[in-house]
């Protein structure tokens, strides 16, 4: 089975050597429900390089011995891709006041052991220490309840996110395209936003 994973944090350019391992992990985890992502490592490395290029970004990575078994990322929203930051600006909000929480991926054998909670805590601590942002923000893919690929035992992560203090933001979503495992053509998916105030910032309305 598994040992006792250790979480370490890397910032900015320190993330660069981890890109191949993180790319492989994303491809493996996001292939499953609900993302159904049929990715490739070349695209992944290019996408993840945005974190290495952001001096204020952070990667929390979990190791079991020498094996990377989980990772979680965050960066200022202003450093994120246009499709991520522009929906926030379209609502009239200042993108500089948001810290974007990207992927949080963990191999199945290690779930339910507190690592997901630790990832959220590490990102929130980093965003607060950064000092420039009032809110944390992430997006989660929207899936129909009758989606043909939905597993019978699929469980929503919404209760977990709510326990971390996050709430959905009505009217805020983004669109991302990726190749899915269910068909030959890329699919444009809608992802809905969740947010949490940092420090004493007022809730979004």
Protein backbone atom coordinates (compact mmCIF):
# COMPACT_ATOMS: atom_id res chain seq x y z
CA UNK A 1 0.00 0.00 0.00
CA UNK A 2 1.47 3.30 1.03
CA UNK A 3 3.71 5.01 3.51
CA UNK A 4 3.34 8.39 5.19
CA UNK A 5 3.36 11.05 2.48
CA UNK A 6 5.25 14.29 3.02
CA UNK A 7 4.09 17.61 1.56
CA UNK A 8 6.60 20.22 0.48
CA UNK A 9 6.06 23.58 -1.18
CA UNK A 10 7.85 25.12 -4.14
CA UNK A 11 7.58 28.65 -5.47
CA UNK A 12 8.03 30.24 -8.87
CA UNK A 13 11.02 28.87 -10.77
CA UNK A 14 11.48 26.12 -8.15
CA UNK A 15 8.44 24.46 -9.77
CA UNK A 16 10.19 23.92 -13.12
CA UNK A 17 11.94 20.59 -12.31
CA UNK A 18 8.61 19.14 -11.14
CA UNK A 19 6.74 19.77 -14.40
CA UNK A 20 7.16 16.27 -15.95
CA UNK A 21 5.98 14.50 -12.79
CA UNK A 22 3.11 16.94 -12.31
CA UNK A 23 2.06 16.58 -15.95
CA UNK A 24 1.96 12.79 -15.67
CA UNK A 25 -0.03 13.02 -12.44
CA UNK A 26 -2.61 15.40 -13.94
CA UNK A 27 -3.10 13.15 -16.95
CA UNK A 28 -3.61 10.10 -14.74
CA UNK A 29 -6.02 11.69 -12.26
CA UNK A 30 -8.03 13.89 -14.64
CA UNK A 31 -8.70 10.95 -16.93
CA UNK A 32 -11.33 9.83 -14.40
CA UNK A 33 -14.71 11.39 -13.64
CA UNK A 34 -15.60 14.22 -13.68
CA UNK A 35 -12.97 15.65 -16.04
CA UNK A 36 -12.65 12.69 -18.45
CA UNK A 37 -9.49 14.34 -19.77
CA UNK A 38 -7.49 12.55 -22.47
CA UNK A 39 -4.32 14.63 -22.19
CA UNK A 40 -0.75 14.52 -23.42
CA UNK A 41 2.43 15.38 -21.59
CA UNK A 42 3.70 17.99 -24.08
CA UNK A 43 0.55 20.10 -23.69
CA UNK A 44 0.64 19.61 -19.94
CA UNK A 45 4.20 20.83 -19.59
CA UNK A 46 3.39 23.96 -21.61
CA UNK A 47 0.30 24.65 -19.48
CA UNK A 48 2.06 24.05 -16.19
CA UNK A 49 4.99 26.24 -17.19
CA UNK A 50 2.75 29.25 -16.43
CA UNK A 51 3.16 28.39 -12.75
CA UNK A 52 6.95 28.31 -13.05
CA UNK A 53 6.80 31.66 -14.85
CA UNK A 54 4.85 33.32 -12.04
CA UNK A 55 7.17 34.41 -9.23
CA UNK A 56 4.19 34.45 -6.82
CA UNK A 57 2.93 30.97 -7.72
CA UNK A 58 3.16 27.98 -5.38
CA UNK A 59 3.12 24.21 -5.85
CA UNK A 60 2.36 21.93 -2.92
CA UNK A 61 3.60 18.45 -3.80
CA UNK A 62 3.09 15.23 -1.85
CA UNK A 63 5.69 12.46 -2.00
CA UNK A 64 5.55 8.90 -0.79
CA UNK A 65 9.25 8.14 -0.72
CA UNK A 66 10.53 9.19 -4.15
CA UNK A 67 7.11 8.96 -5.80
CA UNK A 68 4.94 12.03 -6.44
CA UNK A 69 1.44 11.01 -5.38
CA UNK A 70 -0.34 14.37 -5.25
CA UNK A 71 0.01 18.04 -6.03
CA UNK A 72 -1.86 21.31 -5.77
CA UNK A 73 -1.19 24.68 -7.39
CA UNK A 74 -2.04 28.34 -6.93
CA UNK A 75 -1.08 31.66 -8.48
CA UNK A 76 -2.34 35.25 -8.65
CA UNK A 77 -5.32 35.37 -10.98
CA UNK A 78 -3.61 38.07 -13.04
CA UNK A 79 -0.93 35.51 -14.00
CA UNK A 80 -3.49 32.89 -15.10
CA UNK A 81 -4.69 32.21 -18.64
CA UNK A 82 -7.16 34.60 -20.24
CA UNK A 83 -10.08 32.16 -20.14
CA UNK A 84 -9.64 31.93 -16.36
CA UNK A 85 -9.25 35.60 -15.47
CA UNK A 86 -11.47 37.34 -18.04
CA UNK A 87 -14.83 36.12 -16.65
CA UNK A 88 -13.93 37.80 -13.34
CA UNK A 89 -13.14 41.09 -15.05
CA UNK A 90 -16.37 40.83 -17.07
CA UNK A 91 -18.31 41.08 -13.78
CA UNK A 92 -16.51 44.31 -12.96
CA UNK A 93 -14.21 42.80 -10.32
CA UNK A 94 -10.52 43.56 -10.02
CA UNK A 95 -8.58 40.44 -11.03
CA UNK A 96 -5.63 41.62 -8.94
CA UNK A 97 -7.69 40.94 -5.81
CA UNK A 98 -8.03 37.20 -6.53
CA UNK A 99 -5.65 34.31 -5.93
CA UNK A 100 -6.39 31.42 -8.28
CA UNK A 101 -6.36 27.89 -6.89
CA UNK A 102 -5.65 25.59 -9.83
CA UNK A 103 -5.54 21.80 -9.84
CA UNK A 104 -5.53 19.64 -6.77
CA UNK A 105 -4.77 16.06 -7.79
CA UNK A 106 -4.20 12.98 -5.66
CA UNK A 107 -3.83 9.31 -6.52
CA UNK A 108 -6.84 7.22 -5.40
CA UNK A 109 -4.94 5.14 -2.84
CA UNK A 110 -4.06 8.27 -0.87
CA UNK A 111 -7.49 9.87 -0.66
CA UNK A 112 -9.32 10.15 2.64
CA UNK A 113 -6.11 10.67 4.60
CA UNK A 114 -6.21 14.43 5.02
CA UNK A 115 -3.97 15.37 2.11
CA UNK A 116 -6.73 17.24 0.29
CA UNK A 117 -7.34 19.34 3.39
CA UNK A 118 -3.60 19.97 3.69
CA UNK A 119 -3.43 21.12 0.07
CA UNK A 120 -6.19 23.67 0.61
CA UNK A 121 -4.55 24.88 3.83
CA UNK A 122 -1.16 25.28 2.14
CA UNK A 123 -2.63 27.29 -0.72
CA UNK A 124 -4.66 29.51 1.56
CA UNK A 125 -1.62 30.18 3.76
CA UNK A 126 0.42 31.08 0.70
CA UNK A 127 -2.27 33.40 -0.68
CA UNK A 128 -2.62 35.18 2.67
CA UNK A 129 1.16 35.55 3.02
CA UNK A 130 1.29 37.01 -0.49
CA UNK A 131 -0.81 39.81 0.94
CA UNK A 132 -2.20 41.34 -2.25
CA UNK A 133 -5.45 39.43 -2.72
CA UNK A 134 -8.80 39.47 -0.93
CA UNK A 135 -10.32 36.25 -2.28
CA UNK A 136 -9.31 32.72 -3.27
CA UNK A 137 -10.99 31.37 -6.40
CA UNK A 138 -11.21 28.07 -8.23
CA UNK A 139 -13.33 26.57 -11.00
CA UNK A 140 -14.96 23.13 -11.06
CA UNK A 141 -16.31 21.41 -14.16
CA UNK A 142 -20.08 21.35 -14.51
CA UNK A 143 -21.54 17.90 -15.28
CA UNK A 144 -25.16 16.96 -15.92
CA UNK A 145 -26.69 14.56 -13.43
CA UNK A 146 -27.59 12.26 -16.34
CA UNK A 147 -24.18 12.40 -18.03
CA UNK A 148 -23.63 8.96 -19.64
CA UNK A 149 -20.11 8.65 -18.20
CA UNK A 150 -21.15 9.42 -14.61
CA UNK A 151 -20.19 6.47 -12.34
CA UNK A 152 -23.04 5.07 -10.23
CA UNK A 153 -21.15 5.90 -7.03
CA UNK A 154 -19.99 9.37 -8.07
CA UNK A 155 -20.00 11.78 -5.13
CA UNK A 156 -20.01 15.57 -5.27
CA UNK A 157 -17.03 17.42 -3.81
CA UNK A 158 -19.24 20.40 -2.93
CA UNK A 159 -19.59 19.41 0.76
CA UNK A 160 -15.79 19.16 1.04
CA UNK A 161 -15.31 22.59 -0.54
CA UNK A 162 -17.96 24.12 1.72
CA UNK A 163 -16.18 22.74 4.78
CA UNK A 164 -13.07 24.57 3.57
CA UNK A 165 -15.10 27.80 3.58
CA UNK A 166 -15.70 28.09 -0.17
CA UNK A 167 -19.05 29.01 -1.72
CA UNK A 168 -20.23 29.01 -5.34
CA UNK A 169 -20.39 32.36 -7.11
CA UNK A 170 -23.66 32.61 -9.07
CA UNK A 171 -23.13 33.88 -12.59
CA UNK A 172 -19.37 33.32 -12.68
CA UNK A 173 -18.06 30.53 -14.89
CA UNK A 174 -15.42 29.95 -17.54
CA UNK A 175 -15.15 27.79 -20.63
CA UNK A 176 -12.27 25.44 -21.36
CA UNK A 177 -11.75 23.00 -24.20
CA UNK A 178 -10.05 19.64 -23.85
CA UNK A 179 -9.96 16.24 -25.47
CA UNK A 180 -12.19 13.84 -23.56
CA UNK A 181 -11.96 10.08 -23.26
CA UNK A 182 -15.55 9.70 -24.49
CA UNK A 183 -15.13 10.86 -28.09
CA UNK A 184 -12.78 11.81 -30.95
CA UNK A 185 -13.24 15.61 -30.85
CA UNK A 186 -12.29 18.19 -28.20
CA UNK A 187 -15.20 19.33 -26.03
CA UNK A 188 -15.86 22.82 -24.67
CA UNK A 189 -16.78 22.49 -21.00
CA UNK A 190 -18.27 24.97 -18.55
CA UNK A 191 -16.57 25.32 -15.18
CA UNK A 192 -18.28 27.10 -12.28
CA UNK A 193 -16.47 29.35 -9.81
CA UNK A 194 -16.12 28.90 -6.06
CA UNK A 195 -14.58 31.53 -3.80
CA UNK A 196 -13.51 32.18 -0.22
CA UNK A 197 -12.60 35.48 1.46
CA UNK A 198 -9.01 35.78 2.61
CA UNK A 199 -8.43 37.50 5.96
CA UNK A 200 -11.41 39.83 6.66
CA UNK A 201 -12.48 40.54 3.07
CA UNK A 202 -16.24 40.85 2.55
CA UNK A 203 -17.99 38.02 0.68
CA UNK A 204 -18.55 38.44 -3.04
CA UNK A 205 -22.06 39.33 -4.18
